[in-house]
Amino acid sequence: MLNTAESGTGNKPPRTWRIVGGVCAAALAILVSGFVLWPVTPRDLGVGNQMQQANIYRHWQGGEVIVLVRHAERCDRSANPCLGPADGITQLGSHSASDLGRAFRTLGMAATDVISSPATRTRQTTEFMFNGAAQTQDWLATCDEHFQQTIKAHKSLKRNLILITHSDCISSLERQLGYPHALASEYTSSLFITLDPQGHMQVLGTLDAGSWQRVLDQPLE
């Protein structure tokens, strides 16, 4: 019979199990720290004073902002009445687009360029946002591997740039900018970006359509 007192093991688990347990504990620690450090999604600019914390108003006044806006509610994916063609937006979506356009006009549009994807739903969204015909370009629908560089090429010095595009395009850019697991953008939500002194894109945050009124009620800085 094995004398556990003499063996020195007592009630301790076998050495192999202690090693396995240590490895598992280390792996768990790495996993937990990964979740803490892992940027899941950009900051929500509709929470608290995040618009001020992200310096949105200062960047906007300096013409330093790029905004990617997802089109309004799709007709072909909704039970709400359509505005017109099936590949366009709903009547409800047109109201949301109009509200969003008023929000941007509150920020100021004097030094802002607007470009839309040529798809019906993005064109209609743009037209209801800004009460006029949309300037369209194909690259906002294809969003290929040069998407980030193409955006930069269309950003003029000291002029903001609003791009009316699609959720896939927004998600693709978020992945490129370090947010591979960001939540899919909602209808008429906005992704705010600026360029750092080296010309690299820096994500400022996202703002859902329903949060605009609350943030605009805050003092502009």
C-alpha atoms as a PDB file:
ATOM      1  CA  MET A   1       0.000   0.000   0.000  1.00  0.00           C
ATOM      2  CA  LEU A   2       1.293   3.500  -0.920  1.00  0.00           C
ATOM      3  CA  ASN A   3       2.069   5.670   2.126  1.00  0.00           C
ATOM      4  CA  THR A   4       0.896   9.103   1.015  1.00  0.00           C
ATOM      5  CA  ALA A   5       2.676  10.825   3.861  1.00  0.00           C
ATOM      6  CA  GLU A   6       5.973   9.352   2.737  1.00  0.00           C
ATOM      7  CA  SER A   7       5.302  10.020  -0.934  1.00  0.00           C
ATOM      8  CA  GLY A   8       4.857  13.717  -0.225  1.00  0.00           C
ATOM      9  CA  THR A   9       1.673  13.955  -2.317  1.00  0.00           C
ATOM     10  CA  GLY A  10      -0.899  13.885   0.478  1.00  0.00           C
ATOM     11  CA  ASN A  11      -4.180  15.034  -1.053  1.00  0.00           C
ATOM     12  CA  LYS A  12      -2.512  16.967  -3.859  1.00  0.00           C
ATOM     13  CA  PRO A  13      -3.542  16.038  -7.407  1.00  0.00           C
ATOM     14  CA  PRO A  14      -0.992  14.252  -9.564  1.00  0.00           C
ATOM     15  CA  ARG A  15       1.678  16.479 -11.094  1.00  0.00           C
ATOM     16  CA  THR A  16       0.274  16.023 -14.598  1.00  0.00           C
ATOM     17  CA  TRP A  17      -3.103  17.368 -13.544  1.00  0.00           C
ATOM     18  CA  ARG A  18      -1.478  20.306 -11.767  1.00  0.00           C
ATOM     19  CA  ILE A  19       0.346  21.182 -14.983  1.00  0.00           C
ATOM     20  CA  VAL A  20      -2.837  20.875 -17.036  1.00  0.00           C
ATOM     21  CA  GLY A  21      -4.682  23.013 -14.506  1.00  0.00           C
ATOM     22  CA  GLY A  22      -1.996  25.672 -14.660  1.00  0.00           C
ATOM     23  CA  VAL A  23      -2.092  25.758 -18.454  1.00  0.00           C
ATOM     24  CA  CYS A  24      -5.890  26.072 -18.438  1.00  0.00           C
ATOM     25  CA  ALA A  25      -5.733  28.884 -15.884  1.00  0.00           C
ATOM     26  CA  ALA A  26      -3.172  30.740 -17.999  1.00  0.00           C
ATOM     27  CA  ALA A  27      -5.251  30.271 -21.140  1.00  0.00           C
ATOM     28  CA  LEU A  28      -8.346  31.555 -19.331  1.00  0.00           C
ATOM     29  CA  ALA A  29      -6.442  34.621 -18.142  1.00  0.00           C
ATOM     30  CA  ILE A  30      -5.322  35.362 -21.698  1.00  0.00           C
ATOM     31  CA  LEU A  31      -8.853  34.885 -22.980  1.00  0.00           C
ATOM     32  CA  VAL A  32     -10.331  37.191 -20.357  1.00  0.00           C
ATOM     33  CA  SER A  33      -7.723  39.872 -20.965  1.00  0.00           C
ATOM     34  CA  GLY A  34      -8.383  39.506 -24.687  1.00  0.00           C
ATOM     35  CA  PHE A  35     -12.045  40.282 -24.161  1.00  0.00           C
ATOM     36  CA  VAL A  36     -11.106  43.348 -22.130  1.00  0.00           C
ATOM     37  CA  LEU A  37      -8.667  44.657 -24.745  1.00  0.00           C
ATOM     38  CA  TRP A  38     -10.598  43.498 -27.822  1.00  0.00           C
ATOM     39  CA  PRO A  39     -12.356  46.519 -29.397  1.00  0.00           C
ATOM     40  CA  VAL A  40     -15.727  45.004 -30.202  1.00  0.00           C
ATOM     41  CA  THR A  41     -17.427  48.047 -31.679  1.00  0.00           C
ATOM     42  CA  PRO A  42     -16.710  51.784 -32.014  1.00  0.00           C
ATOM     43  CA  ARG A  43     -17.828  54.113 -29.245  1.00  0.00           C
ATOM     44  CA  ASP A  44     -21.514  55.029 -29.151  1.00  0.00           C
ATOM     45  CA  LEU A  45     -21.671  58.789 -29.651  1.00  0.00           C
ATOM     46  CA  GLY A  46     -25.275  58.830 -28.442  1.00  0.00           C
ATOM     47  CA  VAL A  47     -24.278  57.935 -24.871  1.00  0.00           C
ATOM     48  CA  GLY A  48     -23.528  60.647 -22.332  1.00  0.00           C
ATOM     49  CA  ASN A  49     -21.294  63.375 -23.727  1.00  0.00           C
ATOM     50  CA  GLN A  50     -19.387  61.167 -26.142  1.00  0.00           C
ATOM     51  CA  MET A  51     -19.877  63.660 -28.994  1.00  0.00           C
ATOM     52  CA  GLN A  52     -17.812  66.137 -26.987  1.00  0.00           C
ATOM     53  CA  GLN A  53     -15.349  63.504 -25.787  1.00  0.00           C
ATOM     54  CA  ALA A  54     -14.663  62.500 -29.399  1.00  0.00           C
ATOM     55  CA  ASN A  55     -14.300  66.177 -30.424  1.00  0.00           C
ATOM     56  CA  ILE A  56     -16.914  65.700 -33.146  1.00  0.00           C
ATOM     57  CA  TYR A  57     -17.924  69.368 -33.198  1.00  0.00           C
ATOM     58  CA  ARG A  58     -14.339  70.639 -33.314  1.00  0.00           C
ATOM     59  CA  HIS A  59     -13.446  68.221 -36.114  1.00  0.00           C
ATOM     60  CA  TRP A  60     -16.624  69.154 -37.989  1.00  0.00           C
ATOM     61  CA  GLN A  61     -15.957  72.881 -37.755  1.00  0.00           C
ATOM     62  CA  GLY A  62     -12.482  72.239 -39.108  1.00  0.00           C
ATOM     63  CA  GLY A  63     -13.788  70.243 -42.080  1.00  0.00           C
ATOM     64  CA  GLU A  64     -11.997  67.138 -40.814  1.00  0.00           C
ATOM     65  CA  VAL A  65     -14.821  64.592 -40.681  1.00  0.00           C
ATOM     66  CA  ILE A  66     -15.770  61.676 -42.925  1.00  0.00           C
ATOM     67  CA  VAL A  67     -19.207  60.179 -42.246  1.00  0.00           C
ATOM     68  CA  LEU A  68     -20.467  56.915 -43.680  1.00  0.00           C
ATOM     69  CA  VAL A  69     -24.267  56.795 -43.505  1.00  0.00           C
ATOM     70  CA  ARG A  70     -26.259  53.645 -44.084  1.00  0.00           C
ATOM     71  CA  HIS A  71     -29.292  54.170 -46.308  1.00  0.00           C
ATOM     72  CA  ALA A  72     -32.816  54.317 -44.855  1.00  0.00           C
ATOM     73  CA  GLU A  73     -35.144  51.332 -44.410  1.00  0.00           C
ATOM     74  CA  ARG A  74     -35.216  49.029 -47.434  1.00  0.00           C
ATOM     75  CA  CYS A  75     -38.567  48.444 -49.076  1.00  0.00           C
ATOM     76  CA  ASP A  76     -37.788  44.853 -50.050  1.00  0.00           C
ATOM     77  CA  ARG A  77     -37.009  43.911 -46.435  1.00  0.00           C
ATOM     78  CA  SER A  78     -39.901  45.598 -44.698  1.00  0.00           C
ATOM     79  CA  ALA A  79     -43.671  45.272 -44.352  1.00  0.00           C
ATOM     80  CA  ASN A  80     -43.978  49.071 -44.265  1.00  0.00           C
ATOM     81  CA  PRO A  81     -45.382  50.849 -47.335  1.00  0.00           C
ATOM     82  CA  CYS A  82     -42.849  51.475 -50.074  1.00  0.00           C
ATOM     83  CA  LEU A  83     -41.978  54.948 -51.208  1.00  0.00           C
ATOM     84  CA  GLY A  84     -41.824  53.777 -54.806  1.00  0.00           C
ATOM     85  CA  PRO A  85     -39.688  51.101 -56.497  1.00  0.00           C
ATOM     86  CA  ALA A  86     -39.165  47.812 -54.647  1.00  0.00           C
ATOM     87  CA  ASP A  87     -35.391  48.364 -54.608  1.00  0.00           C
ATOM     88  CA  GLY A  88     -35.845  51.712 -52.872  1.00  0.00           C
ATOM     89  CA  ILE A  89     -36.752  52.779 -49.347  1.00  0.00           C
ATOM     90  CA  THR A  90     -40.005  52.805 -47.404  1.00  0.00           C
ATOM     91  CA  GLN A  91     -42.135  55.848 -46.633  1.00  0.00           C
ATOM     92  CA  LEU A  92     -41.009  55.542 -43.034  1.00  0.00           C
ATOM     93  CA  GLY A  93     -37.433  55.476 -44.255  1.00  0.00           C
ATOM     94  CA  SER A  94     -37.930  58.718 -46.158  1.00  0.00           C
ATOM     95  CA  HIS A  95     -39.038  60.455 -42.943  1.00  0.00           C
ATOM     96  CA  SER A  96     -35.990  59.097 -41.121  1.00  0.00           C
ATOM     97  CA  ALA A  97     -33.738  60.348 -43.918  1.00  0.00           C
ATOM     98  CA  SER A  98     -35.309  63.802 -43.747  1.00  0.00           C
ATOM     99  CA  ASP A  99     -34.744  63.932 -39.993  1.00  0.00           C
ATOM    100  CA  LEU A 100     -31.119  62.898 -40.459  1.00  0.00           C
ATOM    101  CA  GLY A 101     -30.585  65.594 -43.061  1.00  0.00           C
ATOM    102  CA  ARG A 102     -31.912  68.229 -40.663  1.00  0.00           C
ATOM    103  CA  ALA A 103     -29.494  66.966 -38.018  1.00  0.00           C
ATOM    104  CA  PHE A 104     -26.534  67.393 -40.358  1.00  0.00           C
ATOM    105  CA  ARG A 105     -27.738  70.837 -41.365  1.00  0.00           C
ATOM    106  CA  THR A 106     -27.742  71.734 -37.666  1.00  0.00           C
ATOM    107  CA  LEU A 107     -24.046  70.854 -37.586  1.00  0.00           C
ATOM    108  CA  GLY A 108     -23.563  72.970 -40.713  1.00  0.00           C
ATOM    109  CA  MET A 109     -23.191  71.967 -44.351  1.00  0.00           C
ATOM    110  CA  ALA A 110     -21.280  74.939 -45.766  1.00  0.00           C
ATOM    111  CA  ALA A 111     -18.003  73.012 -45.917  1.00  0.00           C
ATOM    112  CA  THR A 112     -19.378  69.546 -46.657  1.00  0.00           C
ATOM    113  CA  ASP A 113     -19.442  67.336 -49.745  1.00  0.00           C
ATOM    114  CA  VAL A 114     -22.040  64.572 -50.170  1.00  0.00           C
ATOM    115  CA  ILE A 115     -21.654  61.503 -52.380  1.00  0.00           C
ATOM    116  CA  SER A 116     -24.077  58.604 -52.699  1.00  0.00           C
ATOM    117  CA  SER A 117     -23.938  55.056 -53.948  1.00  0.00           C
ATOM    118  CA  PRO A 118     -25.923  54.796 -57.218  1.00  0.00           C
ATOM    119  CA  ALA A 119     -28.362  52.206 -55.771  1.00  0.00           C
ATOM    120  CA  THR A 120     -31.978  53.360 -55.629  1.00  0.00           C
ATOM    121  CA  ARG A 121     -32.164  53.123 -51.832  1.00  0.00           C
ATOM    122  CA  THR A 122     -29.037  55.227 -51.291  1.00  0.00           C
ATOM    123  CA  ARG A 123     -30.028  57.813 -53.897  1.00  0.00           C
ATOM    124  CA  GLN A 124     -33.475  58.201 -52.339  1.00  0.00           C
ATOM    125  CA  THR A 125     -31.965  58.478 -48.870  1.00  0.00           C
ATOM    126  CA  THR A 126     -29.619  61.234 -50.050  1.00  0.00           C
ATOM    127  CA  GLU A 127     -32.375  63.111 -51.840  1.00  0.00           C
ATOM    128  CA  PHE A 128     -34.605  63.144 -48.759  1.00  0.00           C
ATOM    129  CA  MET A 129     -31.694  64.080 -46.505  1.00  0.00           C
ATOM    130  CA  PHE A 130     -30.640  67.098 -48.549  1.00  0.00           C
ATOM    131  CA  ASN A 131     -33.674  67.947 -50.699  1.00  0.00           C
ATOM    132  CA  GLY A 132     -31.934  67.570 -54.004  1.00  0.00           C
ATOM    133  CA  ALA A 133     -30.535  65.221 -56.601  1.00  0.00           C
ATOM    134  CA  ALA A 134     -27.755  62.989 -55.358  1.00  0.00           C
ATOM    135  CA  GLN A 135     -24.222  62.983 -56.721  1.00  0.00           C
ATOM    136  CA  THR A 136     -23.513  59.281 -57.209  1.00  0.00           C
ATOM    137  CA  GLN A 137     -20.338  57.254 -57.695  1.00  0.00           C
ATOM    138  CA  ASP A 138     -20.066  53.508 -58.285  1.00  0.00           C
ATOM    139  CA  TRP A 139     -17.249  52.878 -55.796  1.00  0.00           C
ATOM    140  CA  LEU A 140     -19.675  53.485 -52.919  1.00  0.00           C
ATOM    141  CA  ALA A 141     -21.608  50.382 -53.963  1.00  0.00           C
ATOM    142  CA  THR A 142     -18.732  48.021 -54.753  1.00  0.00           C
ATOM    143  CA  CYS A 143     -16.502  48.863 -51.747  1.00  0.00           C
ATOM    144  CA  ASP A 144     -13.532  46.891 -53.087  1.00  0.00           C
ATOM    145  CA  GLU A 145     -10.108  46.431 -51.499  1.00  0.00           C
ATOM    146  CA  HIS A 146      -9.249  50.038 -52.378  1.00  0.00           C
ATOM    147  CA  PHE A 147     -12.279  51.426 -50.522  1.00  0.00           C
ATOM    148  CA  GLN A 148     -10.290  53.162 -47.795  1.00  0.00           C
ATOM    149  CA  GLN A 149      -7.875  54.762 -50.242  1.00  0.00           C
ATOM    150  CA  THR A 150     -10.734  55.878 -52.510  1.00  0.00           C
ATOM    151  CA  ILE A 151     -12.472  57.576 -49.604  1.00  0.00           C
ATOM    152  CA  LYS A 152      -9.287  59.465 -48.760  1.00  0.00           C
ATOM    153  CA  ALA A 153      -8.938  60.529 -52.384  1.00  0.00           C
ATOM    154  CA  HIS A 154     -12.380  62.151 -52.262  1.00  0.00           C
ATOM    155  CA  LYS A 155     -11.796  63.956 -48.955  1.00  0.00           C
ATOM    156  CA  SER A 156     -10.921  67.589 -49.690  1.00  0.00           C
ATOM    157  CA  LEU A 157      -8.848  69.666 -47.313  1.00  0.00           C
ATOM    158  CA  LYS A 158     -10.964  71.457 -44.692  1.00  0.00           C
ATOM    159  CA  ARG A 159     -14.172  69.981 -46.081  1.00  0.00           C
ATOM    160  CA  ASN A 160     -16.268  67.298 -44.413  1.00  0.00           C
ATOM    161  CA  LEU A 161     -17.360  64.334 -46.506  1.00  0.00           C
ATOM    162  CA  ILE A 162     -20.687  62.498 -46.108  1.00  0.00           C
ATOM    163  CA  LEU A 163     -20.955  59.170 -47.928  1.00  0.00           C
ATOM    164  CA  ILE A 164     -24.363  57.492 -48.257  1.00  0.00           C
ATOM    165  CA  THR A 165     -23.625  53.804 -48.637  1.00  0.00           C
ATOM    166  CA  HIS A 166     -24.439  50.255 -47.495  1.00  0.00           C
ATOM    167  CA  SER A 167     -24.019  48.228 -44.308  1.00  0.00           C
ATOM    168  CA  ASP A 168     -21.577  45.822 -45.983  1.00  0.00           C
ATOM    169  CA  CYS A 169     -19.349  48.717 -46.983  1.00  0.00           C
ATOM    170  CA  ILE A 170     -19.423  50.187 -43.489  1.00  0.00           C
ATOM    171  CA  SER A 171     -18.628  46.808 -41.931  1.00  0.00           C
ATOM    172  CA  SER A 172     -15.781  46.295 -44.389  1.00  0.00           C
ATOM    173  CA  LEU A 173     -14.207  49.618 -43.451  1.00  0.00           C
ATOM    174  CA  GLU A 174     -14.667  48.935 -39.734  1.00  0.00           C
ATOM    175  CA  ARG A 175     -12.780  45.652 -40.147  1.00  0.00           C
ATOM    176  CA  GLN A 176      -9.929  47.454 -41.877  1.00  0.00           C
ATOM    177  CA  LEU A 177      -9.794  49.993 -39.059  1.00  0.00           C
ATOM    178  CA  GLY A 178      -9.572  47.480 -36.222  1.00  0.00           C
ATOM    179  CA  TYR A 179     -13.200  46.609 -35.478  1.00  0.00           C
ATOM    180  CA  PRO A 180     -13.699  43.186 -37.113  1.00  0.00           C
ATOM    181  CA  HIS A 181     -16.533  42.282 -34.743  1.00  0.00           C
ATOM    182  CA  ALA A 182     -18.490  45.531 -34.803  1.00  0.00           C
ATOM    183  CA  LEU A 183     -22.260  45.254 -34.819  1.00  0.00           C
ATOM    184  CA  ALA A 184     -23.904  45.739 -38.210  1.00  0.00           C
ATOM    185  CA  SER A 185     -24.956  49.330 -38.787  1.00  0.00           C
ATOM    186  CA  GLU A 186     -28.647  50.176 -38.496  1.00  0.00           C
ATOM    187  CA  TYR A 187     -30.680  52.119 -41.046  1.00  0.00           C
ATOM    188  CA  THR A 188     -29.600  55.790 -41.271  1.00  0.00           C
ATOM    189  CA  SER A 189     -26.884  55.276 -38.653  1.00  0.00           C
ATOM    190  CA  SER A 190     -23.606  57.146 -39.069  1.00  0.00           C
ATOM    191  CA  LEU A 191     -19.957  56.145 -38.677  1.00  0.00           C
ATOM    192  CA  PHE A 192     -17.739  59.163 -37.913  1.00  0.00           C
ATOM    193  CA  ILE A 193     -14.083  59.111 -38.954  1.00  0.00           C
ATOM    194  CA  THR A 194     -11.254  61.608 -39.101  1.00  0.00           C
ATOM    195  CA  LEU A 195      -7.691  61.530 -40.409  1.00  0.00           C
ATOM    196  CA  ASP A 196      -4.750  61.776 -38.028  1.00  0.00           C
ATOM    197  CA  PRO A 197      -1.710  63.961 -38.880  1.00  0.00           C
ATOM    198  CA  GLN A 198      -0.163  61.036 -40.770  1.00  0.00           C
ATOM    199  CA  GLY A 199      -3.293  60.638 -42.894  1.00  0.00           C
ATOM    200  CA  HIS A 200      -4.464  57.438 -41.216  1.00  0.00           C
ATOM    201  CA  MET A 201      -8.169  56.945 -40.597  1.00  0.00           C
ATOM    202  CA  GLN A 202      -9.249  57.186 -36.977  1.00  0.00           C
ATOM    203  CA  VAL A 203     -12.734  56.041 -35.948  1.00  0.00           C
ATOM    204  CA  LEU A 204     -14.483  58.607 -33.748  1.00  0.00           C
ATOM    205  CA  GLY A 205     -17.645  56.581 -33.144  1.00  0.00           C
ATOM    206  CA  THR A 206     -21.118  55.716 -34.370  1.00  0.00           C
ATOM    207  CA  LEU A 207     -24.456  57.455 -33.931  1.00  0.00           C
ATOM    208  CA  ASP A 208     -27.854  55.847 -34.481  1.00  0.00           C
ATOM    209  CA  ALA A 209     -30.619  57.914 -36.040  1.00  0.00           C
ATOM    210  CA  GLY A 210     -32.684  57.884 -32.847  1.00  0.00           C
ATOM    211  CA  SER A 211     -29.900  59.497 -30.802  1.00  0.00           C
ATOM    212  CA  TRP A 212     -29.419  62.651 -32.848  1.00  0.00           C
ATOM    213  CA  GLN A 213     -32.036  64.792 -31.137  1.00  0.00           C
ATOM    214  CA  ARG A 214     -30.634  64.092 -27.697  1.00  0.00           C
ATOM    215  CA  VAL A 215     -27.053  64.912 -28.649  1.00  0.00           C
ATOM    216  CA  LEU A 216     -28.102  68.034 -30.523  1.00  0.00           C
ATOM    217  CA  ASP A 217     -29.914  69.256 -27.419  1.00  0.00           C
ATOM    218  CA  GLN A 218     -26.525  69.327 -25.693  1.00  0.00           C
ATOM    219  CA  PRO A 219     -24.433  72.503 -25.950  1.00  0.00           C
ATOM    220  CA  LEU A 220     -22.271  72.464 -29.086  1.00  0.00           C
ATOM    221  CA  GLU A 221     -18.549  72.687 -28.382  1.00  0.00           C
END
